[in-house]
């Protein structure tokens, strides 16, 4: 026979559940998109820095520069595709007749 580890109280309308954990703050789409744009910007800046360091001879490993450049390019392309889909969805919603 297993012991009862936790007794849960039934939910009573109007009362909060004392056992429930507090919910995490949910970020909106705008905040998530803003953070993504900032990450893309940081990736672009890192790629630019490595490219200029390669040009001045401070970086000998061209592989690092090419990988950083591709990461920046792909992150920008992904961001643009997400933006295009959001704009497309917005336009579709605006075309709906109420």
PDB file of N, CA and C in Angstrom:
ATOM      1  N   UNK A   1       0.841  -1.171   0.000  1.00  0.00           N
ATOM      2  CA  UNK A   1       0.000   0.000   0.000  1.00  0.00           C
ATOM      3  C   UNK A   1       0.890   1.239   0.000  1.00  0.00           C
ATOM      4  N   UNK A   2       0.629   2.175  -0.893  1.00  0.00           N
ATOM      5  CA  UNK A   2       1.405   3.407  -1.000  1.00  0.00           C
ATOM      6  C   UNK A   2       0.812   4.473  -0.092  1.00  0.00           C
ATOM      7  N   UNK A   3       1.680   5.233   0.588  1.00  0.00           N
ATOM      8  CA  UNK A   3       1.159   6.309   1.438  1.00  0.00           C
ATOM      9  C   UNK A   3       0.657   7.473   0.584  1.00  0.00           C
ATOM     10  N   UNK A   4      -0.237   8.240   1.154  1.00  0.00           N
ATOM     11  CA  UNK A   4      -0.750   9.416   0.464  1.00  0.00           C
ATOM     12  C   UNK A   4       0.276  10.527   0.634  1.00  0.00           C
ATOM     13  N   UNK A   5       0.869  10.941  -0.472  1.00  0.00           N
ATOM     14  CA  UNK A   5       1.900  11.970  -0.425  1.00  0.00           C
ATOM     15  C   UNK A   5       1.319  13.368  -0.327  1.00  0.00           C
ATOM     16  N   UNK A   6       0.220  13.586  -0.992  1.00  0.00           N
ATOM     17  CA  UNK A   6      -0.321  14.927  -1.054  1.00  0.00           C
ATOM     18  C   UNK A   6      -1.835  14.847  -1.176  1.00  0.00           C
ATOM     19  N   UNK A   7      -2.514  15.553  -0.346  1.00  0.00           N
ATOM     20  CA  UNK A   7      -3.962  15.600  -0.422  1.00  0.00           C
ATOM     21  C   UNK A   7      -4.339  16.890  -1.114  1.00  0.00           C
ATOM     22  N   UNK A   8      -5.073  16.764  -2.204  1.00  0.00           N
ATOM     23  CA  UNK A   8      -5.474  17.949  -2.945  1.00  0.00           C
ATOM     24  C   UNK A   8      -6.892  18.326  -2.550  1.00  0.00           C
ATOM     25  N   UNK A   9      -7.079  19.607  -2.303  1.00  0.00           N
ATOM     26  CA  UNK A   9      -8.414  20.083  -1.957  1.00  0.00           C
ATOM     27  C   UNK A   9      -9.210  20.268  -3.228  1.00  0.00           C
ATOM     28  N   UNK A  10     -10.485  19.998  -3.198  1.00  0.00           N
ATOM     29  CA  UNK A  10     -11.298  20.210  -4.407  1.00  0.00           C
ATOM     30  C   UNK A  10     -11.394  21.698  -4.716  1.00  0.00           C
ATOM     31  N   UNK A  11     -11.563  21.998  -5.979  1.00  0.00           N
ATOM     32  CA  UNK A  11     -11.660  23.383  -6.431  1.00  0.00           C
ATOM     33  C   UNK A  11     -13.026  23.933  -6.042  1.00  0.00           C
ATOM     34  N   UNK A  12     -13.027  25.041  -5.333  1.00  0.00           N
ATOM     35  CA  UNK A  12     -14.257  25.717  -4.949  1.00  0.00           C
ATOM     36  C   UNK A  12     -14.295  27.028  -5.712  1.00  0.00           C
ATOM     37  N   UNK A  13     -15.387  27.243  -6.417  1.00  0.00           N
ATOM     38  CA  UNK A  13     -15.495  28.434  -7.253  1.00  0.00           C
ATOM     39  C   UNK A  13     -15.334  29.691  -6.403  1.00  0.00           C
ATOM     40  N   UNK A  14     -14.484  30.591  -6.871  1.00  0.00           N
ATOM     41  CA  UNK A  14     -14.262  31.848  -6.164  1.00  0.00           C
ATOM     42  C   UNK A  14     -13.049  31.820  -5.265  1.00  0.00           C
ATOM     43  N   UNK A  15     -12.510  30.652  -4.981  1.00  0.00           N
ATOM     44  CA  UNK A  15     -11.318  30.555  -4.142  1.00  0.00           C
ATOM     45  C   UNK A  15     -10.141  30.144  -5.002  1.00  0.00           C
ATOM     46  N   UNK A  16      -8.985  30.635  -4.636  1.00  0.00           N
ATOM     47  CA  UNK A  16      -7.805  30.240  -5.377  1.00  0.00           C
ATOM     48  C   UNK A  16      -7.289  28.931  -4.816  1.00  0.00           C
ATOM     49  N   UNK A  17      -6.593  28.193  -5.642  1.00  0.00           N
ATOM     50  CA  UNK A  17      -6.033  26.918  -5.236  1.00  0.00           C
ATOM     51  C   UNK A  17      -4.757  27.184  -4.446  1.00  0.00           C
ATOM     52  N   UNK A  18      -4.707  26.837  -3.147  1.00  0.00           N
ATOM     53  CA  UNK A  18      -3.520  27.132  -2.351  1.00  0.00           C
ATOM     54  C   UNK A  18      -2.315  26.295  -2.751  1.00  0.00           C
ATOM     55  N   UNK A  19      -2.537  25.197  -3.451  1.00  0.00           N
ATOM     56  CA  UNK A  19      -1.440  24.320  -3.848  1.00  0.00           C
ATOM     57  C   UNK A  19      -0.834  24.762  -5.174  1.00  0.00           C
ATOM     58  N   UNK A  20      -1.594  25.487  -5.960  1.00  0.00           N
ATOM     59  CA  UNK A  20      -1.147  25.887  -7.295  1.00  0.00           C
ATOM     60  C   UNK A  20       0.081  26.782  -7.203  1.00  0.00           C
ATOM     61  N   UNK A  21       0.981  26.564  -8.131  1.00  0.00           N
ATOM     62  CA  UNK A  21       2.192  27.378  -8.212  1.00  0.00           C
ATOM     63  C   UNK A  21       1.870  28.681  -8.925  1.00  0.00           C
ATOM     64  N   UNK A  22       2.566  29.766  -8.579  1.00  0.00           N
ATOM     65  CA  UNK A  22       2.311  31.025  -9.291  1.00  0.00           C
ATOM     66  C   UNK A  22       2.729  30.902 -10.748  1.00  0.00           C
ATOM     67  N   UNK A  23       1.938  31.517 -11.611  1.00  0.00           N
ATOM     68  CA  UNK A  23       2.215  31.450 -13.038  1.00  0.00           C
ATOM     69  C   UNK A  23       3.336  32.408 -13.407  1.00  0.00           C
ATOM     70  N   UNK A  24       4.130  31.992 -14.389  1.00  0.00           N
ATOM     71  CA  UNK A  24       5.191  32.860 -14.896  1.00  0.00           C
ATOM     72  C   UNK A  24       4.569  33.949 -15.744  1.00  0.00           C
ATOM     73  N   UNK A  25       5.246  35.068 -15.815  1.00  0.00           N
ATOM     74  CA  UNK A  25       4.770  36.179 -16.637  1.00  0.00           C
ATOM     75  C   UNK A  25       4.864  35.764 -18.104  1.00  0.00           C
ATOM     76  N   UNK A  26       3.781  35.917 -18.817  1.00  0.00           N
ATOM     77  CA  UNK A  26       3.728  35.564 -20.225  1.00  0.00           C
ATOM     78  C   UNK A  26       4.053  36.808 -21.033  1.00  0.00           C
ATOM     79  N   UNK A  27       5.050  36.673 -21.901  1.00  0.00           N
ATOM     80  CA  UNK A  27       5.446  37.797 -22.732  1.00  0.00           C
ATOM     81  C   UNK A  27       4.575  37.831 -23.982  1.00  0.00           C
ATOM     82  N   UNK A  28       4.317  39.022 -24.453  1.00  0.00           N
ATOM     83  CA  UNK A  28       3.533  39.182 -25.663  1.00  0.00           C
ATOM     84  C   UNK A  28       4.391  38.973 -26.898  1.00  0.00           C
ATOM     85  N   UNK A  29       3.722  38.867 -28.027  1.00  0.00           N
ATOM     86  CA  UNK A  29       4.434  38.649 -29.277  1.00  0.00           C
ATOM     87  C   UNK A  29       5.383  39.793 -29.587  1.00  0.00           C
ATOM     88  N   UNK A  30       4.950  41.014 -29.290  1.00  0.00           N
ATOM     89  CA  UNK A  30       5.793  42.177 -29.557  1.00  0.00           C
ATOM     90  C   UNK A  30       7.111  42.130 -28.797  1.00  0.00           C
ATOM     91  N   UNK A  31       7.044  41.721 -27.532  1.00  0.00           N
ATOM     92  CA  UNK A  31       8.259  41.641 -26.715  1.00  0.00           C
ATOM     93  C   UNK A  31       9.183  40.528 -27.220  1.00  0.00           C
ATOM     94  N   UNK A  32       8.600  39.405 -27.583  1.00  0.00           N
ATOM     95  CA  UNK A  32       9.399  38.297 -28.112  1.00  0.00           C
ATOM     96  C   UNK A  32      10.053  38.703 -29.427  1.00  0.00           C
ATOM     97  N   UNK A  33       9.299  39.378 -30.283  1.00  0.00           N
ATOM     98  CA  UNK A  33       9.841  39.817 -31.568  1.00  0.00           C
ATOM     99  C   UNK A  33      10.942  40.849 -31.364  1.00  0.00           C
ATOM    100  N   UNK A  34      10.761  41.740 -30.393  1.00  0.00           N
ATOM    101  CA  UNK A  34      11.781  42.744 -30.088  1.00  0.00           C
ATOM    102  C   UNK A  34      13.075  42.082 -29.640  1.00  0.00           C
ATOM    103  N   UNK A  35      12.979  41.068 -28.788  1.00  0.00           N
ATOM    104  CA  UNK A  35      14.167  40.347 -28.338  1.00  0.00           C
ATOM    105  C   UNK A  35      14.839  39.626 -29.502  1.00  0.00           C
ATOM    106  N   UNK A  36      14.035  39.067 -30.398  1.00  0.00           N
ATOM    107  CA  UNK A  36      14.599  38.385 -31.564  1.00  0.00           C
ATOM    108  C   UNK A  36      15.356  39.367 -32.456  1.00  0.00           C
ATOM    109  N   UNK A  37      14.789  40.556 -32.643  1.00  0.00           N
ATOM    110  CA  UNK A  37      15.459  41.587 -33.451  1.00  0.00           C
ATOM    111  C   UNK A  37      16.787  41.986 -32.793  1.00  0.00           C
ATOM    112  N   UNK A  38      16.780  42.120 -31.472  1.00  0.00           N
ATOM    113  CA  UNK A  38      18.008  42.468 -30.767  1.00  0.00           C
ATOM    114  C   UNK A  38      19.059  41.373 -30.924  1.00  0.00           C
ATOM    115  N   UNK A  39      18.626  40.104 -30.878  1.00  0.00           N
ATOM    116  CA  UNK A  39      19.569  38.997 -31.068  1.00  0.00           C
ATOM    117  C   UNK A  39      20.145  38.997 -32.476  1.00  0.00           C
ATOM    118  N   UNK A  40      19.305  39.284 -33.462  1.00  0.00           N
ATOM    119  CA  UNK A  40      19.784  39.359 -34.845  1.00  0.00           C
ATOM    120  C   UNK A  40      20.782  40.500 -34.980  1.00  0.00           C
ATOM    121  N   UNK A  41      20.492  41.622 -34.356  1.00  0.00           N
ATOM    122  CA  UNK A  41      21.401  42.769 -34.401  1.00  0.00           C
ATOM    123  C   UNK A  41      22.744  42.426 -33.773  1.00  0.00           C
ATOM    124  N   UNK A  42      22.723  41.744 -32.636  1.00  0.00           N
ATOM    125  CA  UNK A  42      23.973  41.350 -31.986  1.00  0.00           C
ATOM    126  C   UNK A  42      24.765  40.385 -32.861  1.00  0.00           C
ATOM    127  N   UNK A  43      24.068  39.463 -33.518  1.00  0.00           N
ATOM    128  CA  UNK A  43      24.730  38.518 -34.413  1.00  0.00           C
ATOM    129  C   UNK A  43      25.364  39.251 -35.590  1.00  0.00           C
ATOM    130  N   UNK A  44      24.653  40.242 -36.134  1.00  0.00           N
ATOM    131  CA  UNK A  44      25.192  41.031 -37.239  1.00  0.00           C
ATOM    132  C   UNK A  44      26.438  41.807 -36.807  1.00  0.00           C
ATOM    133  N   UNK A  45      26.376  42.402 -35.615  1.00  0.00           N
ATOM    134  CA  UNK A  45      27.523  43.162 -35.113  1.00  0.00           C
ATOM    135  C   UNK A  45      28.733  42.262 -34.887  1.00  0.00           C
ATOM    136  N   UNK A  46      28.500  41.059 -34.344  1.00  0.00           N
ATOM    137  CA  UNK A  46      29.605  40.124 -34.117  1.00  0.00           C
ATOM    138  C   UNK A  46      30.228  39.702 -35.441  1.00  0.00           C
ATOM    139  N   UNK A  47      29.392  39.481 -36.448  1.00  0.00           N
ATOM    140  CA  UNK A  47      29.895  39.112 -37.767  1.00  0.00           C
ATOM    141  C   UNK A  47      30.710  40.251 -38.373  1.00  0.00           C
ATOM    142  N   UNK A  48      30.213  41.478 -38.254  1.00  0.00           N
ATOM    143  CA  UNK A  48      30.943  42.642 -38.774  1.00  0.00           C
ATOM    144  C   UNK A  48      32.288  42.807 -38.083  1.00  0.00           C
ATOM    145  N   UNK A  49      32.313  42.601 -36.773  1.00  0.00           N
ATOM    146  CA  UNK A  49      33.572  42.735 -36.017  1.00  0.00           C
ATOM    147  C   UNK A  49      34.576  41.683 -36.468  1.00  0.00           C
ATOM    148  N   UNK A  50      34.119  40.436 -36.608  1.00  0.00           N
ATOM    149  CA  UNK A  50      35.036  39.386 -37.061  1.00  0.00           C
ATOM    150  C   UNK A  50      35.529  39.642 -38.475  1.00  0.00           C
ATOM    151  N   UNK A  51      34.661  40.170 -39.327  1.00  0.00           N
ATOM    152  CA  UNK A  51      35.072  40.489 -40.702  1.00  0.00           C
ATOM    153  C   UNK A  51      36.127  41.585 -40.719  1.00  0.00           C
ATOM    154  N   UNK A  52      35.928  42.623 -39.914  1.00  0.00           N
ATOM    155  CA  UNK A  52      36.932  43.693 -39.872  1.00  0.00           C
ATOM    156  C   UNK A  52      38.225  43.205 -39.219  1.00  0.00           C
ATOM    157  N   UNK A  53      38.109  42.325 -38.224  1.00  0.00           N
ATOM    158  CA  UNK A  53      39.319  41.755 -37.616  1.00  0.00           C
ATOM    159  C   UNK A  53      40.078  40.885 -38.609  1.00  0.00           C
ATOM    160  N   UNK A  54      39.352  40.178 -39.466  1.00  0.00           N
ATOM    161  CA  UNK A  54      40.008  39.375 -40.499  1.00  0.00           C
ATOM    162  C   UNK A  54      40.729  40.273 -41.491  1.00  0.00           C
ATOM    163  N   UNK A  55      40.105  41.382 -41.851  1.00  0.00           N
ATOM    164  CA  UNK A  55      40.708  42.303 -42.812  1.00  0.00           C
ATOM    165  C   UNK A  55      41.975  42.949 -42.256  1.00  0.00           C
ATOM    166  N   UNK A  56      42.011  43.180 -40.942  1.00  0.00           N
ATOM    167  CA  UNK A  56      43.192  43.793 -40.334  1.00  0.00           C
ATOM    168  C   UNK A  56      44.232  42.761 -39.908  1.00  0.00           C
ATOM    169  N   UNK A  57      43.914  41.470 -40.079  1.00  0.00           N
ATOM    170  CA  UNK A  57      44.877  40.428 -39.747  1.00  0.00           C
ATOM    171  C   UNK A  57      44.835  39.977 -38.295  1.00  0.00           C
ATOM    172  N   UNK A  58      43.854  40.401 -37.534  1.00  0.00           N
ATOM    173  CA  UNK A  58      43.760  40.012 -36.131  1.00  0.00           C
ATOM    174  C   UNK A  58      43.167  38.614 -35.962  1.00  0.00           C
ATOM    175  N   UNK A  59      42.430  38.144 -36.961  1.00  0.00           N
ATOM    176  CA  UNK A  59      41.845  36.807 -36.915  1.00  0.00           C
ATOM    177  C   UNK A  59      42.490  35.986 -38.016  1.00  0.00           C
ATOM    178  N   UNK A  60      43.045  34.835 -37.645  1.00  0.00           N
ATOM    179  CA  UNK A  60      43.701  33.988 -38.632  1.00  0.00           C
ATOM    180  C   UNK A  60      42.780  32.884 -39.133  1.00  0.00           C
ATOM    181  N   UNK A  61      41.786  32.521 -38.335  1.00  0.00           N
ATOM    182  CA  UNK A  61      40.896  31.423 -38.690  1.00  0.00           C
ATOM    183  C   UNK A  61      39.709  31.956 -39.488  1.00  0.00           C
ATOM    184  N   UNK A  62      39.764  31.776 -40.799  1.00  0.00           N
ATOM    185  CA  UNK A  62      38.698  32.276 -41.661  1.00  0.00           C
ATOM    186  C   UNK A  62      37.399  31.510 -41.447  1.00  0.00           C
ATOM    187  N   UNK A  63      37.499  30.285 -40.900  1.00  0.00           N
ATOM    188  CA  UNK A  63      36.300  29.491 -40.656  1.00  0.00           C
ATOM    189  C   UNK A  63      35.378  30.175 -39.642  1.00  0.00           C
ATOM    190  N   UNK A  64      35.948  30.758 -38.620  1.00  0.00           N
ATOM    191  CA  UNK A  64      35.155  31.478 -37.619  1.00  0.00           C
ATOM    192  C   UNK A  64      34.370  32.624 -38.272  1.00  0.00           C
ATOM    193  N   UNK A  65      35.049  33.340 -39.129  1.00  0.00           N
ATOM    194  CA  UNK A  65      34.434  34.486 -39.789  1.00  0.00           C
ATOM    195  C   UNK A  65      33.295  34.026 -40.708  1.00  0.00           C
ATOM    196  N   UNK A  66      33.527  32.968 -41.455  1.00  0.00           N
ATOM    197  CA  UNK A  66      32.501  32.470 -42.366  1.00  0.00           C
ATOM    198  C   UNK A  66      31.300  31.911 -41.601  1.00  0.00           C
ATOM    199  N   UNK A  67      31.542  31.226 -40.496  1.00  0.00           N
ATOM    200  CA  UNK A  67      30.439  30.690 -39.698  1.00  0.00           C
ATOM    201  C   UNK A  67      29.625  31.827 -39.086  1.00  0.00           C
ATOM    202  N   UNK A  68      30.313  32.836 -38.560  1.00  0.00           N
ATOM    203  CA  UNK A  68      29.605  33.985 -37.986  1.00  0.00           C
ATOM    204  C   UNK A  68      28.807  34.716 -39.061  1.00  0.00           C
ATOM    205  N   UNK A  69      29.375  34.839 -40.244  1.00  0.00           N
ATOM    206  CA  UNK A  69      28.689  35.505 -41.343  1.00  0.00           C
ATOM    207  C   UNK A  69      27.435  34.740 -41.759  1.00  0.00           C
ATOM    208  N   UNK A  70      27.532  33.435 -41.849  1.00  0.00           N
ATOM    209  CA  UNK A  70      26.371  32.615 -42.216  1.00  0.00           C
ATOM    210  C   UNK A  70      25.303  32.636 -41.129  1.00  0.00           C
ATOM    211  N   UNK A  71      25.719  32.614 -39.867  1.00  0.00           N
ATOM    212  CA  UNK A  71      24.749  32.713 -38.769  1.00  0.00           C
ATOM    213  C   UNK A  71      23.981  34.028 -38.856  1.00  0.00           C
ATOM    214  N   UNK A  72      24.710  35.102 -39.109  1.00  0.00           N
ATOM    215  CA  UNK A  72      24.067  36.413 -39.222  1.00  0.00           C
ATOM    216  C   UNK A  72      23.122  36.450 -40.412  1.00  0.00           C
ATOM    217  N   UNK A  73      23.553  35.893 -41.522  1.00  0.00           N
ATOM    218  CA  UNK A  73      22.725  35.886 -42.725  1.00  0.00           C
ATOM    219  C   UNK A  73      21.460  35.059 -42.518  1.00  0.00           C
ATOM    220  N   UNK A  74      21.603  33.883 -41.941  1.00  0.00           N
ATOM    221  CA  UNK A  74      20.447  33.019 -41.714  1.00  0.00           C
ATOM    222  C   UNK A  74      19.484  33.602 -40.687  1.00  0.00           C
ATOM    223  N   UNK A  75      20.028  34.213 -39.642  1.00  0.00           N
ATOM    224  CA  UNK A  75      19.146  34.791 -38.630  1.00  0.00           C
ATOM    225  C   UNK A  75      18.362  35.969 -39.209  1.00  0.00           C
ATOM    226  N   UNK A  76      19.005  36.770 -40.057  1.00  0.00           N
ATOM    227  CA  UNK A  76      18.301  37.875 -40.694  1.00  0.00           C
ATOM    228  C   UNK A  76      17.238  37.361 -41.660  1.00  0.00           C
ATOM    229  N   UNK A  77      17.577  36.331 -42.417  1.00  0.00           N
ATOM    230  CA  UNK A  77      16.616  35.760 -43.363  1.00  0.00           C
ATOM    231  C   UNK A  77      15.413  35.159 -42.631  1.00  0.00           C
ATOM    232  N   UNK A  78      15.657  34.461 -41.526  1.00  0.00           N
ATOM    233  CA  UNK A  78      14.570  33.888 -40.737  1.00  0.00           C
ATOM    234  C   UNK A  78      13.682  34.991 -40.169  1.00  0.00           C
ATOM    235  N   UNK A  79      14.298  36.040 -39.663  1.00  0.00           N
ATOM    236  CA  UNK A  79      13.530  37.161 -39.110  1.00  0.00           C
ATOM    237  C   UNK A  79      12.660  37.800 -40.179  1.00  0.00           C
ATOM    238  N   UNK A  80      13.193  37.963 -41.368  1.00  0.00           N
ATOM    239  CA  UNK A  80      12.416  38.553 -42.458  1.00  0.00           C
ATOM    240  C   UNK A  80      11.247  37.646 -42.852  1.00  0.00           C
ATOM    241  N   UNK A  81      11.460  36.340 -42.853  1.00  0.00           N
ATOM    242  CA  UNK A  81      10.384  35.415 -43.192  1.00  0.00           C
ATOM    243  C   UNK A  81       9.275  35.446 -42.134  1.00  0.00           C
ATOM    244  N   UNK A  82       9.664  35.515 -40.860  1.00  0.00           N
ATOM    245  CA  UNK A  82       8.665  35.615 -39.790  1.00  0.00           C
ATOM    246  C   UNK A  82       7.895  36.916 -39.930  1.00  0.00           C
ATOM    247  N   UNK A  83       8.607  38.007 -40.192  1.00  0.00           N
ATOM    248  CA  UNK A  83       7.940  39.299 -40.386  1.00  0.00           C
ATOM    249  C   UNK A  83       6.960  39.227 -41.545  1.00  0.00           C
ATOM    250  N   UNK A  84       7.370  38.617 -42.647  1.00  0.00           N
ATOM    251  CA  UNK A  84       6.487  38.501 -43.808  1.00  0.00           C
ATOM    252  C   UNK A  84       5.230  37.703 -43.481  1.00  0.00           C
ATOM    253  N   UNK A  85       5.386  36.627 -42.718  1.00  0.00           N
ATOM    254  CA  UNK A  85       4.228  35.814 -42.339  1.00  0.00           C
ATOM    255  C   UNK A  85       3.299  36.584 -41.412  1.00  0.00           C
ATOM    256  N   UNK A  86       3.863  37.367 -40.503  1.00  0.00           N
ATOM    257  CA  UNK A  86       3.035  38.163 -39.589  1.00  0.00           C
ATOM    258  C   UNK A  86       2.264  39.214 -40.372  1.00  0.00           C
ATOM    259  N   UNK A  87       2.920  39.889 -41.278  1.00  0.00           N
ATOM    260  CA  UNK A  87       2.244  40.904 -42.092  1.00  0.00           C
ATOM    261  C   UNK A  87       1.168  40.252 -42.948  1.00  0.00           C
ATOM    262  N   UNK A  88       1.466  39.102 -43.513  1.00  0.00           N
ATOM    263  CA  UNK A  88       0.493  38.379 -44.322  1.00  0.00           C
ATOM    264  C   UNK A  88      -0.728  37.974 -43.482  1.00  0.00           C
ATOM    265  N   UNK A  89      -0.492  37.491 -42.271  1.00  0.00           N
ATOM    266  CA  UNK A  89      -1.597  37.115 -41.383  1.00  0.00           C
ATOM    267  C   UNK A  89      -2.426  38.337 -41.003  1.00  0.00           C
ATOM    268  N   UNK A  90      -1.756  39.447 -40.727  1.00  0.00           N
ATOM    269  CA  UNK A  90      -2.455  40.690 -40.388  1.00  0.00           C
ATOM    270  C   UNK A  90      -3.340  41.136 -41.554  1.00  0.00           C
ATOM    271  N   UNK A  91      -2.797  41.089 -42.754  1.00  0.00           N
ATOM    272  CA  UNK A  91      -3.568  41.493 -43.922  1.00  0.00           C
ATOM    273  C   UNK A  91      -4.763  40.574 -44.141  1.00  0.00           C
ATOM    274  N   UNK A  92      -4.577  39.299 -43.871  1.00  0.00           N
ATOM    275  CA  UNK A  92      -5.681  38.349 -44.009  1.00  0.00           C
ATOM    276  C   UNK A  92      -6.784  38.642 -43.002  1.00  0.00           C
ATOM    277  N   UNK A  93      -6.404  38.966 -41.785  1.00  0.00           N
ATOM    278  CA  UNK A  93      -7.393  39.313 -40.762  1.00  0.00           C
ATOM    279  C   UNK A  93      -8.131  40.596 -41.143  1.00  0.00           C
ATOM    280  N   UNK A  94      -7.404  41.561 -41.687  1.00  0.00           N
ATOM    281  CA  UNK A  94      -8.031  42.820 -42.071  1.00  0.00           C
ATOM    282  C   UNK A  94      -9.000  42.637 -43.241  1.00  0.00           C
ATOM    283  N   UNK A  95      -8.777  41.623 -44.089  1.00  0.00           N
ATOM    284  CA  UNK A  95      -9.678  41.372 -45.206  1.00  0.00           C
ATOM    285  C   UNK A  95     -10.964  40.662 -44.777  1.00  0.00           C
ATOM    286  N   UNK A  96     -10.958  40.101 -43.579  1.00  0.00           N
ATOM    287  CA  UNK A  96     -12.164  39.400 -43.100  1.00  0.00           C
ATOM    288  C   UNK A  96     -13.305  40.380 -42.904  1.00  0.00           C
ATOM    289  N   UNK A  97     -14.473  39.951 -43.287  1.00  0.00           N
ATOM    290  CA  UNK A  97     -15.652  40.787 -43.108  1.00  0.00           C
ATOM    291  C   UNK A  97     -16.349  40.375 -41.831  1.00  0.00           C
ATOM    292  N   UNK A  98     -16.706  41.365 -41.043  1.00  0.00           N
ATOM    293  CA  UNK A  98     -17.334  41.083 -39.758  1.00  0.00           C
ATOM    294  C   UNK A  98     -18.831  41.113 -39.876  1.00  0.00           C
TER     295      UNK A  98
END
